[in-house]
mmCIF file of all heavy atoms, coordinates in Angstrom:
data_MODEL
# 
_entry.id   MODEL 
# 
loop_
_atom_site.group_PDB 
_atom_site.id 
_atom_site.type_symbol 
_atom_site.label_atom_id 
_atom_site.label_alt_id 
_atom_site.label_comp_id 
_atom_site.label_asym_id 
_atom_site.label_entity_id 
_atom_site.label_seq_id 
_atom_site.pdbx_PDB_ins_code 
_atom_site.Cartn_x 
_atom_site.Cartn_y 
_atom_site.Cartn_z 
_atom_site.occupancy 
_atom_site.B_iso_or_equiv 
_atom_site.pdbx_formal_charge 
_atom_site.auth_seq_id 
_atom_site.auth_comp_id 
_atom_site.auth_asym_id 
_atom_site.auth_atom_id 
_atom_site.pdbx_PDB_model_num 
ATOM 1   N N   . VAL A 1 1  ? 123.740 52.101 3.643  1.00 0.00 ? 1  VAL A N   1 
ATOM 2   C CA  . VAL A 1 1  ? 122.499 51.774 4.343  1.00 0.00 ? 1  VAL A CA  1 
ATOM 3   C C   . VAL A 1 1  ? 121.806 53.066 4.747  1.00 0.00 ? 1  VAL A C   1 
ATOM 4   O O   . VAL A 1 1  ? 122.439 54.105 4.927  1.00 0.00 ? 1  VAL A O   1 
ATOM 5   C CB  . VAL A 1 1  ? 122.742 50.903 5.603  1.00 0.00 ? 1  VAL A CB  1 
ATOM 6   C CG1 . VAL A 1 1  ? 123.218 49.522 5.235  1.00 0.00 ? 1  VAL A CG1 1 
ATOM 7   C CG2 . VAL A 1 1  ? 123.707 51.580 6.560  1.00 0.00 ? 1  VAL A CG2 1 
ATOM 8   N N   . VAL A 1 2  ? 120.501 52.973 4.882  1.00 0.00 ? 2  VAL A N   1 
ATOM 9   C CA  . VAL A 1 2  ? 119.675 54.103 5.318  1.00 0.00 ? 2  VAL A CA  1 
ATOM 10  C C   . VAL A 1 2  ? 119.136 53.771 6.705  1.00 0.00 ? 2  VAL A C   1 
ATOM 11  O O   . VAL A 1 2  ? 118.508 52.725 6.898  1.00 0.00 ? 2  VAL A O   1 
ATOM 12  C CB  . VAL A 1 2  ? 118.518 54.351 4.330  1.00 0.00 ? 2  VAL A CB  1 
ATOM 13  C CG1 . VAL A 1 2  ? 117.576 55.413 4.873  1.00 0.00 ? 2  VAL A CG1 1 
ATOM 14  C CG2 . VAL A 1 2  ? 119.054 54.751 2.970  1.00 0.00 ? 2  VAL A CG2 1 
ATOM 15  N N   . ALA A 1 3  ? 119.417 54.625 7.675  1.00 0.00 ? 3  ALA A N   1 
ATOM 16  C CA  . ALA A 1 3  ? 118.976 54.385 9.051  1.00 0.00 ? 3  ALA A CA  1 
ATOM 17  C C   . ALA A 1 3  ? 117.538 54.858 9.241  1.00 0.00 ? 3  ALA A C   1 
ATOM 18  O O   . ALA A 1 3  ? 117.171 55.956 8.808  1.00 0.00 ? 3  ALA A O   1 
ATOM 19  C CB  . ALA A 1 3  ? 119.896 55.109 10.029 1.00 0.00 ? 3  ALA A CB  1 
ATOM 20  N N   . TYR A 1 4  ? 116.741 54.027 9.887  1.00 0.00 ? 4  TYR A N   1 
ATOM 21  C CA  . TYR A 1 4  ? 115.357 54.395 10.227 1.00 0.00 ? 4  TYR A CA  1 
ATOM 22  C C   . TYR A 1 4  ? 115.179 54.270 11.737 1.00 0.00 ? 4  TYR A C   1 
ATOM 23  O O   . TYR A 1 4  ? 115.411 53.206 12.318 1.00 0.00 ? 4  TYR A O   1 
ATOM 24  C CB  . TYR A 1 4  ? 114.358 53.496 9.501  1.00 0.00 ? 4  TYR A CB  1 
ATOM 25  C CG  . TYR A 1 4  ? 112.919 53.773 9.885  1.00 0.00 ? 4  TYR A CG  1 
ATOM 26  C CD1 . TYR A 1 4  ? 112.274 54.940 9.480  1.00 0.00 ? 4  TYR A CD1 1 
ATOM 27  C CD2 . TYR A 1 4  ? 112.199 52.862 10.654 1.00 0.00 ? 4  TYR A CD2 1 
ATOM 28  C CE1 . TYR A 1 4  ? 110.963 55.200 9.829  1.00 0.00 ? 4  TYR A CE1 1 
ATOM 29  C CE2 . TYR A 1 4  ? 110.878 53.109 11.006 1.00 0.00 ? 4  TYR A CE2 1 
ATOM 30  C CZ  . TYR A 1 4  ? 110.271 54.274 10.587 1.00 0.00 ? 4  TYR A CZ  1 
ATOM 31  O OH  . TYR A 1 4  ? 108.949 54.535 10.950 1.00 0.00 ? 4  TYR A OH  1 
ATOM 32  N N   . LEU A 1 5  ? 114.805 55.385 12.380 1.00 0.00 ? 5  LEU A N   1 
ATOM 33  C CA  . LEU A 1 5  ? 114.602 55.425 13.822 1.00 0.00 ? 5  LEU A CA  1 
ATOM 34  C C   . LEU A 1 5  ? 113.141 55.757 14.088 1.00 0.00 ? 5  LEU A C   1 
ATOM 35  O O   . LEU A 1 5  ? 112.544 56.581 13.397 1.00 0.00 ? 5  LEU A O   1 
ATOM 36  C CB  . LEU A 1 5  ? 115.481 56.492 14.475 1.00 0.00 ? 5  LEU A CB  1 
ATOM 37  C CG  . LEU A 1 5  ? 116.996 56.269 14.548 1.00 0.00 ? 5  LEU A CG  1 
ATOM 38  C CD1 . LEU A 1 5  ? 117.634 56.258 13.166 1.00 0.00 ? 5  LEU A CD1 1 
ATOM 39  C CD2 . LEU A 1 5  ? 117.644 57.373 15.382 1.00 0.00 ? 5  LEU A CD2 1 
ATOM 40  N N   . ARG A 1 6  ? 112.560 55.126 15.098 1.00 0.00 ? 6  ARG A N   1 
ATOM 41  C CA  . ARG A 1 6  ? 111.160 55.407 15.420 1.00 0.00 ? 6  ARG A CA  1 
ATOM 42  C C   . ARG A 1 6  ? 110.943 55.349 16.924 1.00 0.00 ? 6  ARG A C   1 
ATOM 43  O O   . ARG A 1 6  ? 111.445 54.450 17.594 1.00 0.00 ? 6  ARG A O   1 
ATOM 44  C CB  . ARG A 1 6  ? 110.221 54.408 14.734 1.00 0.00 ? 6  ARG A CB  1 
ATOM 45  C CG  . ARG A 1 6  ? 108.736 54.681 14.984 1.00 0.00 ? 6  ARG A CG  1 
ATOM 46  C CD  . ARG A 1 6  ? 107.875 53.725 14.177 1.00 0.00 ? 6  ARG A CD  1 
ATOM 47  N NE  . ARG A 1 6  ? 107.927 52.366 14.707 1.00 0.00 ? 6  ARG A NE  1 
ATOM 48  C CZ  . ARG A 1 6  ? 107.067 51.885 15.606 1.00 0.00 ? 6  ARG A CZ  1 
ATOM 49  N NH1 . ARG A 1 6  ? 106.108 52.658 16.097 1.00 0.00 ? 6  ARG A NH1 1 
ATOM 50  N NH2 . ARG A 1 6  ? 107.168 50.643 16.032 1.00 0.00 ? 6  ARG A NH2 1 
ATOM 51  N N   . VAL A 1 7  ? 110.203 56.299 17.432 1.00 0.00 ? 7  VAL A N   1 
ATOM 52  C CA  . VAL A 1 7  ? 109.786 56.277 18.827 1.00 0.00 ? 7  VAL A CA  1 
ATOM 53  C C   . VAL A 1 7  ? 108.298 56.574 18.883 1.00 0.00 ? 7  VAL A C   1 
ATOM 54  O O   . VAL A 1 7  ? 107.724 57.198 18.000 1.00 0.00 ? 7  VAL A O   1 
ATOM 55  C CB  . VAL A 1 7  ? 110.551 57.305 19.697 1.00 0.00 ? 7  VAL A CB  1 
ATOM 56  C CG1 . VAL A 1 7  ? 111.988 56.886 19.885 1.00 0.00 ? 7  VAL A CG1 1 
ATOM 57  C CG2 . VAL A 1 7  ? 110.472 58.698 19.097 1.00 0.00 ? 7  VAL A CG2 1 
ATOM 58  N N   . SER A 1 8  ? 107.670 56.120 19.947 1.00 0.00 ? 8  SER A N   1 
ATOM 59  C CA  . SER A 1 8  ? 106.254 56.352 20.153 1.00 0.00 ? 8  SER A CA  1 
ATOM 60  C C   . SER A 1 8  ? 106.041 56.731 21.599 1.00 0.00 ? 8  SER A C   1 
ATOM 61  O O   . SER A 1 8  ? 106.597 56.113 22.497 1.00 0.00 ? 8  SER A O   1 
ATOM 62  C CB  . SER A 1 8  ? 105.447 55.098 19.822 1.00 0.00 ? 8  SER A CB  1 
ATOM 63  O OG  . SER A 1 8  ? 104.147 55.181 20.361 1.00 0.00 ? 8  SER A OG  1 
ATOM 64  N N   . THR A 1 9  ? 105.210 57.739 21.857 1.00 0.00 ? 9  THR A N   1 
ATOM 65  C CA  . THR A 1 9  ? 104.958 58.138 23.241 1.00 0.00 ? 9  THR A CA  1 
ATOM 66  C C   . THR A 1 9  ? 104.275 57.041 24.010 1.00 0.00 ? 9  THR A C   1 
ATOM 67  O O   . THR A 1 9  ? 104.380 56.967 25.220 1.00 0.00 ? 9  THR A O   1 
ATOM 68  C CB  . THR A 1 9  ? 104.085 59.402 23.288 1.00 0.00 ? 9  THR A CB  1 
ATOM 69  O OG1 . THR A 1 9  ? 102.860 59.154 22.579 1.00 0.00 ? 9  THR A OG1 1 
ATOM 70  C CG2 . THR A 1 9  ? 104.788 60.574 22.658 1.00 0.00 ? 9  THR A CG2 1 
ATOM 71  N N   . SER A 1 10 ? 103.577 56.138 23.323 1.00 0.00 ? 10 SER A N   1 
ATOM 72  C CA  . SER A 1 10 ? 102.848 55.087 24.025 1.00 0.00 ? 10 SER A CA  1 
ATOM 73  C C   . SER A 1 10 ? 103.641 53.805 24.151 1.00 0.00 ? 10 SER A C   1 
ATOM 74  O O   . SER A 1 10 ? 103.350 52.971 24.986 1.00 0.00 ? 10 SER A O   1 
ATOM 75  C CB  . SER A 1 10 ? 101.529 54.781 23.303 1.00 0.00 ? 10 SER A CB  1 
ATOM 76  O OG  . SER A 1 10 ? 101.769 54.320 21.996 1.00 0.00 ? 10 SER A OG  1 
ATOM 77  N N   . ARG A 1 11 ? 104.673 53.601 23.323 1.00 0.00 ? 11 ARG A N   1 
ATOM 78  C CA  . ARG A 1 11 ? 105.354 52.316 23.308 1.00 0.00 ? 11 ARG A CA  1 
ATOM 79  C C   . ARG A 1 11 ? 106.864 52.408 23.480 1.00 0.00 ? 11 ARG A C   1 
ATOM 80  O O   . ARG A 1 11 ? 107.541 51.407 23.493 1.00 0.00 ? 11 ARG A O   1 
ATOM 81  C CB  . ARG A 1 11 ? 105.058 51.573 22.000 1.00 0.00 ? 11 ARG A CB  1 
ATOM 82  C CG  . ARG A 1 11 ? 103.626 51.145 21.873 1.00 0.00 ? 11 ARG A CG  1 
ATOM 83  C CD  . ARG A 1 11 ? 103.469 50.157 20.733 1.00 0.00 ? 11 ARG A CD  1 
ATOM 84  N NE  . ARG A 1 11 ? 103.688 50.767 19.438 1.00 0.00 ? 11 ARG A NE  1 
ATOM 85  C CZ  . ARG A 1 11 ? 102.735 51.312 18.701 1.00 0.00 ? 11 ARG A CZ  1 
ATOM 86  N NH1 . ARG A 1 11 ? 101.509 51.363 19.151 1.00 0.00 ? 11 ARG A NH1 1 
ATOM 87  N NH2 . ARG A 1 11 ? 102.998 51.830 17.523 1.00 0.00 ? 11 ARG A NH2 1 
ATOM 88  N N   . GLN A 1 12 ? 107.407 53.581 23.635 1.00 0.00 ? 12 GLN A N   1 
ATOM 89  C CA  . GLN A 1 12 ? 108.860 53.696 23.726 1.00 0.00 ? 12 GLN A CA  1 
ATOM 90  C C   . GLN A 1 12 ? 109.409 52.931 24.922 1.00 0.00 ? 12 GLN A C   1 
ATOM 91  O O   . GLN A 1 12 ? 110.421 52.258 24.831 1.00 0.00 ? 12 GLN A O   1 
ATOM 92  C CB  . GLN A 1 12 ? 109.278 55.157 23.829 1.00 0.00 ? 12 GLN A CB  1 
ATOM 93  C CG  . GLN A 1 12 ? 110.804 55.323 23.907 1.00 0.00 ? 12 GLN A CG  1 
ATOM 94  C CD  . GLN A 1 12 ? 111.210 56.749 24.184 1.00 0.00 ? 12 GLN A CD  1 
ATOM 95  O OE1 . GLN A 1 12 ? 110.361 57.602 24.358 1.00 0.00 ? 12 GLN A OE1 1 
ATOM 96  N NE2 . GLN A 1 12 ? 112.488 57.004 24.237 1.00 0.00 ? 12 GLN A NE2 1 
ATOM 97  N N   . GLY A 1 13 ? 108.725 53.057 26.074 1.00 0.00 ? 13 GLY A N   1 
ATOM 98  C CA  . GLY A 1 13 ? 109.207 52.382 27.264 1.00 0.00 ? 13 GLY A CA  1 
ATOM 99  C C   . GLY A 1 13 ? 109.282 50.881 27.105 1.00 0.00 ? 13 GLY A C   1 
ATOM 100 O O   . GLY A 1 13 ? 110.167 50.218 27.620 1.00 0.00 ? 13 GLY A O   1 
ATOM 101 N N   . ARG A 1 14 ? 108.366 50.299 26.332 1.00 0.00 ? 14 ARG A N   1 
ATOM 102 C CA  . ARG A 1 14 ? 108.357 48.863 26.117 1.00 0.00 ? 14 ARG A CA  1 
ATOM 103 C C   . ARG A 1 14 ? 109.581 48.423 25.316 1.00 0.00 ? 14 ARG A C   1 
ATOM 104 O O   . ARG A 1 14 ? 110.132 47.364 25.509 1.00 0.00 ? 14 ARG A O   1 
ATOM 105 C CB  . ARG A 1 14 ? 107.065 48.475 25.393 1.00 0.00 ? 14 ARG A CB  1 
ATOM 106 C CG  . ARG A 1 14 ? 106.774 47.000 25.421 1.00 0.00 ? 14 ARG A CG  1 
ATOM 107 C CD  . ARG A 1 14 ? 105.511 46.690 24.633 1.00 0.00 ? 14 ARG A CD  1 
ATOM 108 N NE  . ARG A 1 14 ? 104.400 47.505 25.072 1.00 0.00 ? 14 ARG A NE  1 
ATOM 109 C CZ  . ARG A 1 14 ? 103.243 47.558 24.414 1.00 0.00 ? 14 ARG A CZ  1 
ATOM 110 N NH1 . ARG A 1 14 ? 103.079 46.866 23.308 1.00 0.00 ? 14 ARG A NH1 1 
ATOM 111 N NH2 . ARG A 1 14 ? 102.266 48.308 24.860 1.00 0.00 ? 14 ARG A NH2 1 
ATOM 112 N N   . SER A 1 15 ? 110.009 49.249 24.397 1.00 0.00 ? 15 SER A N   1 
ATOM 113 C CA  . SER A 1 15 ? 111.154 48.897 23.563 1.00 0.00 ? 15 SER A CA  1 
ATOM 114 C C   . SER A 1 15 ? 112.468 49.138 24.295 1.00 0.00 ? 15 SER A C   1 
ATOM 115 O O   . SER A 1 15 ? 113.419 48.404 24.140 1.00 0.00 ? 15 SER A O   1 
ATOM 116 C CB  . SER A 1 15 ? 111.140 49.713 22.266 1.00 0.00 ? 15 SER A CB  1 
ATOM 117 O OG  . SER A 1 15 ? 112.358 49.575 21.599 1.00 0.00 ? 15 SER A OG  1 
ATOM 118 N N   . GLY A 1 16 ? 112.511 50.206 25.088 1.00 0.00 ? 16 GLY A N   1 
ATOM 119 C CA  . GLY A 1 16 ? 113.727 50.530 25.800 1.00 0.00 ? 16 GLY A CA  1 
ATOM 120 C C   . GLY A 1 16 ? 114.753 51.248 24.960 1.00 0.00 ? 16 GLY A C   1 
ATOM 121 O O   . GLY A 1 16 ? 115.902 51.385 25.358 1.00 0.00 ? 16 GLY A O   1 
ATOM 122 N N   . LEU A 1 17 ? 114.366 51.693 23.779 1.00 0.00 ? 17 LEU A N   1 
ATOM 123 C CA  . LEU A 1 17 ? 115.311 52.383 22.908 1.00 0.00 ? 17 LEU A CA  1 
ATOM 124 C C   . LEU A 1 17 ? 114.748 53.737 22.485 1.00 0.00 ? 17 LEU A C   1 
ATOM 125 O O   . LEU A 1 17 ? 113.806 53.801 21.704 1.00 0.00 ? 17 LEU A O   1 
ATOM 126 C CB  . LEU A 1 17 ? 115.604 51.550 21.657 1.00 0.00 ? 17 LEU A CB  1 
ATOM 127 C CG  . LEU A 1 17 ? 116.607 50.398 21.794 1.00 0.00 ? 17 LEU A CG  1 
ATOM 128 C CD1 . LEU A 1 17 ? 116.796 49.718 20.457 1.00 0.00 ? 17 LEU A CD1 1 
ATOM 129 C CD2 . LEU A 1 17 ? 117.934 50.888 22.322 1.00 0.00 ? 17 LEU A CD2 1 
ATOM 130 N N   . GLY A 1 18 ? 115.348 54.811 23.014 1.00 0.00 ? 18 GLY A N   1 
ATOM 131 C CA  . GLY A 1 18 ? 114.992 56.136 22.541 1.00 0.00 ? 18 GLY A CA  1 
ATOM 132 C C   . GLY A 1 18 ? 115.779 56.469 21.290 1.00 0.00 ? 18 GLY A C   1 
ATOM 133 O O   . GLY A 1 18 ? 116.565 55.659 20.784 1.00 0.00 ? 18 GLY A O   1 
ATOM 134 N N   . LEU A 1 19 ? 115.614 57.676 20.804 1.00 0.00 ? 19 LEU A N   1 
ATOM 135 C CA  . LEU A 1 19 ? 116.267 58.070 19.557 1.00 0.00 ? 19 LEU A CA  1 
ATOM 136 C C   . LEU A 1 19 ? 117.776 57.972 19.638 1.00 0.00 ? 19 LEU A C   1 
ATOM 137 O O   . LEU A 1 19 ? 118.422 57.398 18.753 1.00 0.00 ? 19 LEU A O   1 
ATOM 138 C CB  . LEU A 1 19 ? 115.856 59.509 19.195 1.00 0.00 ? 19 LEU A CB  1 
ATOM 139 C CG  . LEU A 1 19 ? 114.463 59.707 18.620 1.00 0.00 ? 19 LEU A CG  1 
ATOM 140 C CD1 . LEU A 1 19 ? 114.201 61.188 18.388 1.00 0.00 ? 19 LEU A CD1 1 
ATOM 141 C CD2 . LEU A 1 19 ? 114.301 58.936 17.316 1.00 0.00 ? 19 LEU A CD2 1 
ATOM 142 N N   . GLU A 1 20 ? 118.353 58.537 20.691 1.00 0.00 ? 20 GLU A N   1 
ATOM 143 C CA  . GLU A 1 20 ? 119.808 58.540 20.797 1.00 0.00 ? 20 GLU A CA  1 
ATOM 144 C C   . GLU A 1 20 ? 120.355 57.122 20.921 1.00 0.00 ? 20 GLU A C   1 
ATOM 145 O O   . GLU A 1 20 ? 121.408 56.793 20.347 1.00 0.00 ? 20 GLU A O   1 
ATOM 146 C CB  . GLU A 1 20 ? 120.251 59.403 21.981 1.00 0.00 ? 20 GLU A CB  1 
ATOM 147 C CG  . GLU A 1 20 ? 119.994 60.894 21.801 1.00 0.00 ? 20 GLU A CG  1 
ATOM 148 C CD  . GLU A 1 20 ? 120.699 61.458 20.570 1.00 0.00 ? 20 GLU A CD  1 
ATOM 149 O OE1 . GLU A 1 20 ? 121.771 60.937 20.215 1.00 0.00 ? 20 GLU A OE1 1 
ATOM 150 O OE2 . GLU A 1 20 ? 120.176 62.402 19.976 1.00 0.00 ? 20 GLU A OE2 1 
ATOM 151 N N   . ALA A 1 21 ? 119.663 56.281 21.675 1.00 0.00 ? 21 ALA A N   1 
ATOM 152 C CA  . ALA A 1 21 ? 120.112 54.899 21.832 1.00 0.00 ? 21 ALA A CA  1 
ATOM 153 C C   . ALA A 1 21 ? 120.048 54.152 20.509 1.00 0.00 ? 21 ALA A C   1 
ATOM 154 O O   . ALA A 1 21 ? 120.954 53.384 20.164 1.00 0.00 ? 21 ALA A O   1 
ATOM 155 C CB  . ALA A 1 21 ? 119.268 54.190 22.882 1.00 0.00 ? 21 ALA A CB  1 
ATOM 156 N N   . GLN A 1 22 ? 118.978 54.363 19.735 1.00 0.00 ? 22 GLN A N   1 
ATOM 157 C CA  . GLN A 1 22 ? 118.864 53.721 18.429 1.00 0.00 ? 22 GLN A CA  1 
ATOM 158 C C   . GLN A 1 22 ? 119.973 54.209 17.496 1.00 0.00 ? 22 GLN A C   1 
ATOM 159 O O   . GLN A 1 22 ? 120.593 53.420 16.769 1.00 0.00 ? 22 GLN A O   1 
ATOM 160 C CB  . GLN A 1 22 ? 117.507 54.033 17.803 1.00 0.00 ? 22 GLN A CB  1 
ATOM 161 C CG  . GLN A 1 22 ? 116.331 53.368 18.487 1.00 0.00 ? 22 GLN A CG  1 
ATOM 162 C CD  . GLN A 1 22 ? 115.014 53.750 17.854 1.00 0.00 ? 22 GLN A CD  1 
ATOM 163 O OE1 . GLN A 1 22 ? 114.792 53.534 16.669 1.00 0.00 ? 22 GLN A OE1 1 
ATOM 164 N NE2 . GLN A 1 22 ? 114.124 54.349 18.644 1.00 0.00 ? 22 GLN A NE2 1 
ATOM 165 N N   . ARG A 1 23 ? 120.224 55.516 17.503 1.00 0.00 ? 23 ARG A N   1 
ATOM 166 C CA  . ARG A 1 23 ? 121.251 56.093 16.625 1.00 0.00 ? 23 ARG A CA  1 
ATOM 167 C C   . ARG A 1 23 ? 122.628 55.515 16.966 1.00 0.00 ? 23 ARG A C   1 
ATOM 168 O O   . ARG A 1 23 ? 123.399 55.145 16.077 1.00 0.00 ? 23 ARG A O   1 
ATOM 169 C CB  . ARG A 1 23 ? 121.244 57.612 16.759 1.00 0.00 ? 23 ARG A CB  1 
ATOM 170 C CG  . ARG A 1 23 ? 122.229 58.324 15.833 1.00 0.00 ? 23 ARG A CG  1 
ATOM 171 C CD  . ARG A 1 23 ? 122.108 59.832 15.955 1.00 0.00 ? 23 ARG A CD  1 
ATOM 172 N NE  . ARG A 1 23 ? 120.868 60.318 15.369 1.00 0.00 ? 23 ARG A NE  1 
ATOM 173 C CZ  . ARG A 1 23 ? 119.912 60.957 16.047 1.00 0.00 ? 23 ARG A CZ  1 
ATOM 174 N NH1 . ARG A 1 23 ? 120.065 61.175 17.350 1.00 0.00 ? 23 ARG A NH1 1 
ATOM 175 N NH2 . ARG A 1 23 ? 118.823 61.382 15.447 1.00 0.00 ? 23 ARG A NH2 1 
ATOM 176 N N   . GLU A 1 24 ? 122.932 55.429 18.252 1.00 0.00 ? 24 GLU A N   1 
ATOM 177 C CA  . GLU A 1 24 ? 124.231 54.895 18.672 1.00 0.00 ? 24 GLU A CA  1 
ATOM 178 C C   . GLU A 1 24 ? 124.338 53.416 18.315 1.00 0.00 ? 24 GLU A C   1 
ATOM 179 O O   . GLU A 1 24 ? 125.393 52.952 17.867 1.00 0.00 ? 24 GLU A O   1 
ATOM 180 C CB  . GLU A 1 24 ? 124.402 55.086 20.176 1.00 0.00 ? 24 GLU A CB  1 
ATOM 181 C CG  . GLU A 1 24 ? 125.751 54.604 20.703 1.00 0.00 ? 24 GLU A CG  1 
ATOM 182 C CD  . GLU A 1 24 ? 125.893 54.808 22.189 1.00 0.00 ? 24 GLU A CD  1 
ATOM 183 O OE1 . GLU A 1 24 ? 125.023 55.480 22.790 1.00 0.00 ? 24 GLU A OE1 1 
ATOM 184 O OE2 . GLU A 1 24 ? 126.875 54.292 22.757 1.00 0.00 ? 24 GLU A OE2 1 
ATOM 185 N N   . ASN A 1 25 ? 123.249 52.687 18.511 1.00 0.00 ? 25 ASN A N   1 
ATOM 186 C CA  . ASN A 1 25 ? 123.224 51.264 18.187 1.00 0.00 ? 25 ASN A CA  1 
ATOM 187 C C   . ASN A 1 25 ? 123.519 51.032 16.708 1.00 0.00 ? 25 ASN A C   1 
ATOM 188 O O   . ASN A 1 25 ? 124.360 50.199 16.344 1.00 0.00 ? 25 ASN A O   1 
ATOM 189 C CB  . ASN A 1 25 ? 121.842 50.700 18.560 1.00 0.00 ? 25 ASN A CB  1 
ATOM 190 C CG  . ASN A 1 25 ? 121.716 49.212 18.322 1.00 0.00 ? 25 ASN A CG  1 
ATOM 191 O OD1 . ASN A 1 25 ? 121.811 48.749 17.194 1.00 0.00 ? 25 ASN A OD1 1 
ATOM 192 N ND2 . ASN A 1 25 ? 121.455 48.466 19.382 1.00 0.00 ? 25 ASN A ND2 1 
ATOM 193 N N   . ILE A 1 26 ? 122.851 51.783 15.841 1.00 0.00 ? 26 ILE A N   1 
ATOM 194 C CA  . ILE A 1 26 ? 123.035 51.631 14.395 1.00 0.00 ? 26 ILE A CA  1 
ATOM 195 C C   . ILE A 1 26 ? 124.441 52.063 13.985 1.00 0.00 ? 26 ILE A C   1 
ATOM 196 O O   . ILE A 1 26 ? 125.078 51.430 13.139 1.00 0.00 ? 26 ILE A O   1 
ATOM 197 C CB  . ILE A 1 26 ? 121.966 52.439 13.636 1.00 0.00 ? 26 ILE A CB  1 
ATOM 198 C CG1 . ILE A 1 26 ? 120.593 51.791 13.844 1.00 0.00 ? 26 ILE A CG1 1 
ATOM 199 C CG2 . ILE A 1 26 ? 122.289 52.535 12.146 1.00 0.00 ? 26 ILE A CG2 1 
ATOM 200 C CD1 . ILE A 1 26 ? 119.443 52.609 13.294 1.00 0.00 ? 26 ILE A CD1 1 
ATOM 201 N N   . SER A 1 27 ? 124.932 53.128 14.597 1.00 0.00 ? 27 SER A N   1 
ATOM 202 C CA  . SER A 1 27 ? 126.268 53.626 14.267 1.00 0.00 ? 27 SER A CA  1 
ATOM 203 C C   . SER A 1 27 ? 127.341 52.588 14.595 1.00 0.00 ? 27 SER A C   1 
ATOM 204 O O   . SER A 1 27 ? 128.247 52.328 13.787 1.00 0.00 ? 27 SER A O   1 
ATOM 205 C CB  . SER A 1 27 ? 126.538 54.929 15.022 1.00 0.00 ? 27 SER A CB  1 
ATOM 206 O OG  . SER A 1 27 ? 127.837 55.396 14.766 1.00 0.00 ? 27 SER A OG  1 
ATOM 207 N N   . ARG A 1 28 ? 127.248 51.980 15.776 1.00 0.00 ? 28 ARG A N   1 
ATOM 208 C CA  . ARG A 1 28 ? 128.222 50.951 16.171 1.00 0.00 ? 28 ARG A CA  1 
ATOM 209 C C   . ARG A 1 28 ? 128.141 49.736 15.243 1.00 0.00 ? 28 ARG A C   1 
ATOM 210 O O   . ARG A 1 28 ? 129.157 49.189 14.831 1.00 0.00 ? 28 ARG A O   1 
ATOM 211 C CB  . ARG A 1 28 ? 127.970 50.506 17.618 1.00 0.00 ? 28 ARG A CB  1 
ATOM 212 C CG  . ARG A 1 28 ? 128.371 51.513 18.679 1.00 0.00 ? 28 ARG A CG  1 
ATOM 213 C CD  . ARG A 1 28 ? 128.558 50.819 20.023 1.00 0.00 ? 28 ARG A CD  1 
ATOM 214 N NE  . ARG A 1 28 ? 127.393 50.008 20.350 1.00 0.00 ? 28 ARG A NE  1 
ATOM 215 C CZ  . ARG A 1 28 ? 126.375 50.424 21.090 1.00 0.00 ? 28 ARG A CZ  1 
ATOM 216 N NH1 . ARG A 1 28 ? 126.375 51.657 21.573 1.00 0.00 ? 28 ARG A NH1 1 
ATOM 217 N NH2 . ARG A 1 28 ? 125.362 49.630 21.358 1.00 0.00 ? 28 ARG A NH2 1 
ATOM 218 N N   . PHE A 1 29 ? 126.908 49.345 14.915 1.00 0.00 ? 29 PHE A N   1 
ATOM 219 C CA  . PHE A 1 29 ? 126.705 48.193 14.046 1.00 0.00 ? 29 PHE A CA  1 
ATOM 220 C C   . PHE A 1 29 ? 127.303 48.449 12.656 1.00 0.00 ? 29 PHE A C   1 
ATOM 221 O O   . PHE A 1 29 ? 127.993 47.593 12.108 1.00 0.00 ? 29 PHE A O   1 
ATOM 222 C CB  . PHE A 1 29 ? 125.210 47.902 13.936 1.00 0.00 ? 29 PHE A CB  1 
ATOM 223 C CG  . PHE A 1 29 ? 124.860 46.804 12.970 1.00 0.00 ? 29 PHE A CG  1 
ATOM 224 C CD1 . PHE A 1 29 ? 124.893 45.483 13.371 1.00 0.00 ? 29 PHE A CD1 1 
ATOM 225 C CD2 . PHE A 1 29 ? 124.494 47.093 11.665 1.00 0.00 ? 29 PHE A CD2 1 
ATOM 226 C CE1 . PHE A 1 29 ? 124.574 44.459 12.492 1.00 0.00 ? 29 PHE A CE1 1 
ATOM 227 C CE2 . PHE A 1 29 ? 124.174 46.080 10.772 1.00 0.00 ? 29 PHE A CE2 1 
ATOM 228 C CZ  . PHE A 1 29 ? 124.219 44.758 11.190 1.00 0.00 ? 29 PHE A CZ  1 
# 
């Protein structure tokens, strides 16, 4: 699988997932 991570200065807070959190989430999955 190829991991794709995305953050936005205007919408990151709405998602609640920064880069490190997304990376850890995908790694565990």
